[in-house]
All heavy atoms as atom14 arrays in JSON, in Angstrom:
{
  "sequence": "KFSTNEILNTFPLRKAVKVKIISYNINFI",
  "atom14_mask": [
    [1, 1, 1, 1, 1, 1, 1, 1, 1, 0, 0, 0, 0, 0],
    [1, 1, 1, 1, 1, 1, 1, 1, 1, 1, 1, 0, 0, 0],
    [1, 1, 1, 1, 1, 1, 0, 0, 0, 0, 0, 0, 0, 0],
    [1, 1, 1, 1, 1, 1, 1, 0, 0, 0, 0, 0, 0, 0],
    [1, 1, 1, 1, 1, 1, 1, 1, 0, 0, 0, 0, 0, 0],
    [1, 1, 1, 1, 1, 1, 1, 1, 1, 0, 0, 0, 0, 0],
    [1, 1, 1, 1, 1, 1, 1, 1, 0, 0, 0, 0, 0, 0],
    [1, 1, 1, 1, 1, 1, 1, 1, 0, 0, 0, 0, 0, 0],
    [1, 1, 1, 1, 1, 1, 1, 1, 0, 0, 0, 0, 0, 0],
    [1, 1, 1, 1, 1, 1, 1, 0, 0, 0, 0, 0, 0, 0],
    [1, 1, 1, 1, 1, 1, 1, 1, 1, 1, 1, 0, 0, 0],
    [1, 1, 1, 1, 1, 1, 1, 0, 0, 0, 0, 0, 0, 0],
    [1, 1, 1, 1, 1, 1, 1, 1, 0, 0, 0, 0, 0, 0],
    [1, 1, 1, 1, 1, 1, 1, 1, 1, 1, 1, 0, 0, 0],
    [1, 1, 1, 1, 1, 1, 1, 1, 1, 0, 0, 0, 0, 0],
    [1, 1, 1, 1, 1, 0, 0, 0, 0, 0, 0, 0, 0, 0],
    [1, 1, 1, 1, 1, 1, 1, 0, 0, 0, 0, 0, 0, 0],
    [1, 1, 1, 1, 1, 1, 1, 1, 1, 0, 0, 0, 0, 0],
    [1, 1, 1, 1, 1, 1, 1, 0, 0, 0, 0, 0, 0, 0],
    [1, 1, 1, 1, 1, 1, 1, 1, 1, 0, 0, 0, 0, 0],
    [1, 1, 1, 1, 1, 1, 1, 1, 0, 0, 0, 0, 0, 0],
    [1, 1, 1, 1, 1, 1, 1, 1, 0, 0, 0, 0, 0, 0],
    [1, 1, 1, 1, 1, 1, 0, 0, 0, 0, 0, 0, 0, 0],
    [1, 1, 1, 1, 1, 1, 1, 1, 1, 1, 1, 1, 0, 0],
    [1, 1, 1, 1, 1, 1, 1, 1, 0, 0, 0, 0, 0, 0],
    [1, 1, 1, 1, 1, 1, 1, 1, 0, 0, 0, 0, 0, 0],
    [1, 1, 1, 1, 1, 1, 1, 1, 0, 0, 0, 0, 0, 0],
    [1, 1, 1, 1, 1, 1, 1, 1, 1, 1, 1, 0, 0, 0],
    [1, 1, 1, 1, 1, 1, 1, 1, 0, 0, 0, 0, 0, 0]
  ],
  "atom14_positions": [
    [[0.77, -1.14, 0.05], [0.02, -0.06, -0.05], [0.87, 1.26, -0.04], [2.02, 1.24, 0.42], [-0.9, 0.01, 1.25], [-1.81, -1.19, 1.37], [-2.82, -1.28, 0.32], [-3.71, -2.48, 0.54], [-4.71, -2.64, -0.53], [0.0, 0.0, 0.0], [0.0, 0.0, 0.0], [0.0, 0.0, 0.0], [0.0, 0.0, 0.0], [0.0, 0.0, 0.0]],
    [[0.3, 2.36, -0.48], [0.98, 3.6, -0.45], [0.97, 4.14, 1.01], [-0.01, 4.06, 1.6], [0.32, 4.65, -1.32], [0.61, 4.5, -2.79], [-0.02, 3.49, -3.62], [1.51, 5.3, -3.43], [0.33, 3.36, -4.95], [1.73, 5.24, -4.82], [1.17, 4.19, -5.52], [0.0, 0.0, 0.0], [0.0, 0.0, 0.0], [0.0, 0.0, 0.0]],
    [[2.12, 4.74, 1.43], [2.16, 5.36, 2.75], [1.47, 6.66, 2.69], [1.17, 7.23, 1.62], [3.61, 5.51, 3.13], [4.19, 6.47, 2.45], [0.0, 0.0, 0.0], [0.0, 0.0, 0.0], [0.0, 0.0, 0.0], [0.0, 0.0, 0.0], [0.0, 0.0, 0.0], [0.0, 0.0, 0.0], [0.0, 0.0, 0.0], [0.0, 0.0, 0.0]],
    [[1.14, 7.25, 3.84], [0.52, 8.65, 3.85], [1.44, 9.6, 3.18], [0.87, 10.41, 2.36], [0.32, 9.1, 5.27], [-0.54, 8.17, 5.97], [-0.23, 10.45, 5.39], [0.0, 0.0, 0.0], [0.0, 0.0, 0.0], [0.0, 0.0, 0.0], [0.0, 0.0, 0.0], [0.0, 0.0, 0.0], [0.0, 0.0, 0.0], [0.0, 0.0, 0.0]],
    [[2.69, 9.63, 3.38], [3.7, 10.45, 2.72], [3.61, 10.28, 1.14], [3.61, 11.19, 0.43], [5.03, 10.25, 3.24], [6.03, 11.38, 2.87], [5.63, 12.58, 2.79], [7.26, 11.03, 2.38], [0.0, 0.0, 0.0], [0.0, 0.0, 0.0], [0.0, 0.0, 0.0], [0.0, 0.0, 0.0], [0.0, 0.0, 0.0], [0.0, 0.0, 0.0]],
    [[3.59, 9.05, 0.71], [3.51, 8.76, -0.71], [2.25, 9.31, -1.32], [2.26, 9.83, -2.44], [3.69, 7.32, -1.0], [5.1, 6.76, -0.79], [5.16, 5.18, -0.84], [4.29, 4.45, -0.27], [6.04, 4.78, -1.52], [0.0, 0.0, 0.0], [0.0, 0.0, 0.0], [0.0, 0.0, 0.0], [0.0, 0.0, 0.0], [0.0, 0.0, 0.0]],
    [[1.1, 9.18, -0.62], [-0.13, 9.58, -1.17], [-0.1, 11.11, -1.3], [-0.57, 11.65, -2.27], [-1.33, 9.19, -0.23], [-1.52, 7.6, -0.38], [-2.55, 9.92, -0.54], [-2.54, 7.04, 0.64], [0.0, 0.0, 0.0], [0.0, 0.0, 0.0], [0.0, 0.0, 0.0], [0.0, 0.0, 0.0], [0.0, 0.0, 0.0], [0.0, 0.0, 0.0]],
    [[0.39, 11.82, -0.19], [0.38, 13.27, -0.25], [1.38, 13.84, -1.34], [1.19, 14.93, -1.81], [0.77, 13.81, 1.16], [-0.3, 13.54, 2.26], [0.28, 13.99, 3.67], [-1.61, 14.15, 1.89], [0.0, 0.0, 0.0], [0.0, 0.0, 0.0], [0.0, 0.0, 0.0], [0.0, 0.0, 0.0], [0.0, 0.0, 0.0], [0.0, 0.0, 0.0]],
    [[2.25, 12.99, -1.7], [3.23, 13.42, -2.81], [2.94, 12.97, -4.19], [3.86, 13.1, -5.08], [4.67, 13.1, -2.31], [5.2, 13.97, -1.26], [5.13, 15.2, -1.42], [5.59, 13.39, -0.07], [0.0, 0.0, 0.0], [0.0, 0.0, 0.0], [0.0, 0.0, 0.0], [0.0, 0.0, 0.0], [0.0, 0.0, 0.0], [0.0, 0.0, 0.0]],
    [[1.8, 12.4, -4.38], [1.41, 11.93, -5.82], [1.04, 13.19, -6.52], [0.59, 14.09, -5.98], [0.18, 10.95, -5.71], [-0.91, 11.62, -5.1], [0.53, 9.68, -5.1], [0.0, 0.0, 0.0], [0.0, 0.0, 0.0], [0.0, 0.0, 0.0], [0.0, 0.0, 0.0], [0.0, 0.0, 0.0], [0.0, 0.0, 0.0], [0.0, 0.0, 0.0]],
    [[1.27, 13.18, -7.8], [0.81, 14.2, -8.65], [-0.67, 13.79, -9.23], [-0.81, 12.76, -9.58], [1.66, 14.54, -9.95], [1.23, 15.58, -10.81], [1.67, 16.89, -10.5], [0.34, 15.3, -11.85], [1.12, 17.89, -11.29], [-0.1, 16.42, -12.57], [0.3, 17.67, -12.3], [0.0, 0.0, 0.0], [0.0, 0.0, 0.0], [0.0, 0.0, 0.0]],
    [[-1.59, 14.72, -9.02], [-1.57, 16.16, -8.84], [-1.79, 16.62, -7.43], [-1.9, 17.74, -7.18], [-2.71, 16.53, -9.74], [-3.69, 15.45, -9.72], [-2.81, 14.23, -9.6], [0.0, 0.0, 0.0], [0.0, 0.0, 0.0], [0.0, 0.0, 0.0], [0.0, 0.0, 0.0], [0.0, 0.0, 0.0], [0.0, 0.0, 0.0], [0.0, 0.0, 0.0]],
    [[-2.01, 15.72, -6.49], [-2.37, 16.07, -5.09], [-1.34, 16.99, -4.54], [-1.69, 17.97, -3.83], [-2.65, 14.84, -4.3], [-3.05, 15.11, -2.82], [-4.43, 15.94, -2.83], [-3.27, 13.88, -2.02], [0.0, 0.0, 0.0], [0.0, 0.0, 0.0], [0.0, 0.0, 0.0], [0.0, 0.0, 0.0], [0.0, 0.0, 0.0], [0.0, 0.0, 0.0]],
    [[-0.03, 16.76, -4.74], [1.03, 17.58, -4.12], [0.93, 18.93, -4.57], [1.44, 19.89, -3.87], [2.31, 16.88, -4.33], [2.91, 17.07, -5.78], [4.35, 16.63, -6.0], [4.73, 16.64, -7.33], [4.78, 15.52, -8.08], [4.47, 14.42, -7.57], [5.06, 15.65, -9.34], [0.0, 0.0, 0.0], [0.0, 0.0, 0.0], [0.0, 0.0, 0.0]],
    [[0.38, 19.27, -5.77], [0.29, 20.57, -6.27], [-0.98, 21.29, -6.04], [-1.2, 22.52, -6.15], [0.55, 20.49, -7.77], [0.66, 21.91, -8.43], [0.91, 21.74, -9.97], [0.85, 23.09, -10.65], [0.96, 23.01, -12.09], [0.0, 0.0, 0.0], [0.0, 0.0, 0.0], [0.0, 0.0, 0.0], [0.0, 0.0, 0.0], [0.0, 0.0, 0.0]],
    [[-2.01, 20.47, -5.66], [-3.37, 21.1, -5.57], [-3.59, 21.93, -4.25], [-3.12, 21.49, -3.24], [-4.38, 19.82, -5.54], [0.0, 0.0, 0.0], [0.0, 0.0, 0.0], [0.0, 0.0, 0.0], [0.0, 0.0, 0.0], [0.0, 0.0, 0.0], [0.0, 0.0, 0.0], [0.0, 0.0, 0.0], [0.0, 0.0, 0.0], [0.0, 0.0, 0.0]],
    [[-4.24, 23.01, -4.47], [-4.67, 23.88, -3.33], [-6.08, 23.52, -2.96], [-6.45, 23.71, -1.88], [-4.44, 25.34, -3.8], [-5.0, 26.29, -2.74], [-2.98, 25.62, -4.02], [0.0, 0.0, 0.0], [0.0, 0.0, 0.0], [0.0, 0.0, 0.0], [0.0, 0.0, 0.0], [0.0, 0.0, 0.0], [0.0, 0.0, 0.0], [0.0, 0.0, 0.0]],
    [[-6.85, 23.13, -4.03], [-8.26, 22.82, -3.8], [-8.62, 21.63, -4.67], [-8.12, 21.53, -5.79], [-9.1, 24.01, -4.19], [-10.62, 23.79, -3.94], [-11.45, 25.12, -4.09], [-11.13, 25.95, -5.24], [-11.98, 27.14, -5.44], [0.0, 0.0, 0.0], [0.0, 0.0, 0.0], [0.0, 0.0, 0.0], [0.0, 0.0, 0.0], [0.0, 0.0, 0.0]],
    [[-9.51, 20.77, -4.18], [-9.98, 19.57, -4.92], [-11.49, 19.51, -4.93], [-12.1, 19.72, -3.84], [-9.43, 18.21, -4.33], [-9.94, 17.05, -5.11], [-7.89, 18.25, -4.3], [0.0, 0.0, 0.0], [0.0, 0.0, 0.0], [0.0, 0.0, 0.0], [0.0, 0.0, 0.0], [0.0, 0.0, 0.0], [0.0, 0.0, 0.0], [0.0, 0.0, 0.0]],
    [[-12.05, 19.38, -6.11], [-13.55, 19.27, -6.27], [-13.88, 18.01, -6.92], [-13.11, 17.52, -7.69], [-14.1, 20.51, -7.1], [-14.02, 21.76, -6.49], [-14.63, 22.85, -7.35], [-14.53, 24.19, -6.92], [-15.14, 25.21, -7.81], [0.0, 0.0, 0.0], [0.0, 0.0, 0.0], [0.0, 0.0, 0.0], [0.0, 0.0, 0.0], [0.0, 0.0, 0.0]],
    [[-15.01, 17.42, -6.55], [-15.54, 16.3, -7.3], [-16.87, 16.77, -7.98], [-17.6, 17.64, -7.32], [-15.78, 15.07, -6.45], [-16.61, 15.3, -5.21], [-14.49, 14.49, -6.02], [-17.05, 14.11, -4.48], [0.0, 0.0, 0.0], [0.0, 0.0, 0.0], [0.0, 0.0, 0.0], [0.0, 0.0, 0.0], [0.0, 0.0, 0.0], [0.0, 0.0, 0.0]],
    [[-17.16, 16.39, -9.17], [-18.26, 16.92, -9.92], [-19.02, 15.67, -10.62], [-18.52, 14.63, -10.77], [-17.84, 17.9, -10.99], [-16.96, 17.25, -12.0], [-17.21, 19.15, -10.32], [-16.65, 18.2, -13.23], [0.0, 0.0, 0.0], [0.0, 0.0, 0.0], [0.0, 0.0, 0.0], [0.0, 0.0, 0.0], [0.0, 0.0, 0.0], [0.0, 0.0, 0.0]],
    [[-20.32, 16.02, -10.96], [-21.07, 15.12, -11.9], [-21.55, 16.04, -13.01], [-21.81, 17.25, -12.86], [-22.21, 14.5, -11.14], [-23.09, 15.42, -10.7], [0.0, 0.0, 0.0], [0.0, 0.0, 0.0], [0.0, 0.0, 0.0], [0.0, 0.0, 0.0], [0.0, 0.0, 0.0], [0.0, 0.0, 0.0], [0.0, 0.0, 0.0], [0.0, 0.0, 0.0]],
    [[-21.53, 15.42, -14.19], [-22.11, 16.22, -15.38], [-22.58, 15.11, -16.38], [-22.24, 13.92, -16.2], [-20.88, 16.97, -16.01], [-19.64, 16.21, -16.31], [-19.37, 15.78, -17.64], [-18.69, 15.9, -15.4], [-18.24, 15.18, -17.92], [-17.58, 15.22, -15.63], [-17.33, 14.77, -16.95], [-16.17, 14.06, -17.12], [0.0, 0.0, 0.0], [0.0, 0.0, 0.0]],
    [[-23.3, 15.56, -17.35], [-23.86, 14.64, -18.33], [-24.7, 13.56, -17.84], [-24.92, 12.58, -18.45], [-22.71, 13.91, -19.23], [-22.03, 15.05, -20.15], [-22.63, 16.04, -20.45], [-20.8, 14.74, -20.42], [0.0, 0.0, 0.0], [0.0, 0.0, 0.0], [0.0, 0.0, 0.0], [0.0, 0.0, 0.0], [0.0, 0.0, 0.0], [0.0, 0.0, 0.0]],
    [[-25.28, 13.78, -16.65], [-26.18, 12.67, -16.04], [-27.53, 12.64, -16.74], [-28.24, 11.61, -16.57], [-26.29, 12.86, -14.45], [-26.86, 14.19, -14.16], [-24.97, 12.63, -13.81], [-27.19, 14.36, -12.72], [0.0, 0.0, 0.0], [0.0, 0.0, 0.0], [0.0, 0.0, 0.0], [0.0, 0.0, 0.0], [0.0, 0.0, 0.0], [0.0, 0.0, 0.0]],
    [[-27.9, 13.57, -17.52], [-29.16, 13.52, -18.23], [-29.0, 13.08, -19.69], [-29.92, 13.13, -20.41], [-29.85, 14.9, -18.16], [-30.25, 15.28, -16.8], [-30.72, 14.43, -16.06], [-29.94, 16.53, -16.42], [0.0, 0.0, 0.0], [0.0, 0.0, 0.0], [0.0, 0.0, 0.0], [0.0, 0.0, 0.0], [0.0, 0.0, 0.0], [0.0, 0.0, 0.0]],
    [[-27.84, 12.53, -20.06], [-27.6, 11.99, -21.36], [-27.27, 10.59, -21.24], [-26.36, 10.19, -20.52], [-26.53, 12.86, -22.02], [-26.75, 14.24, -22.32], [-26.45, 15.18, -21.36], [-27.57, 14.68, -23.37], [-26.7, 16.55, -21.54], [-27.84, 15.98, -23.61], [-27.42, 16.95, -22.64], [0.0, 0.0, 0.0], [0.0, 0.0, 0.0], [0.0, 0.0, 0.0]],
    [[-27.94, 9.77, -22.12], [-27.57, 8.38, -22.04], [-26.29, 8.04, -22.79], [-25.65, 7.03, -22.49], [-28.72, 7.57, -22.71], [-28.58, 6.06, -22.28], [-28.83, 7.66, -24.26], [-29.85, 5.29, -22.39], [0.0, 0.0, 0.0], [0.0, 0.0, 0.0], [0.0, 0.0, 0.0], [0.0, 0.0, 0.0], [0.0, 0.0, 0.0], [0.0, 0.0, 0.0]]
  ]
}
């Protein structure tokens, strides 16, 4: 498994100031 330090240093997380999750196109098949 990845350690906490390894997770925090993955790209793009290490560069991110803010992270959002989104949904889109949910009304299109």
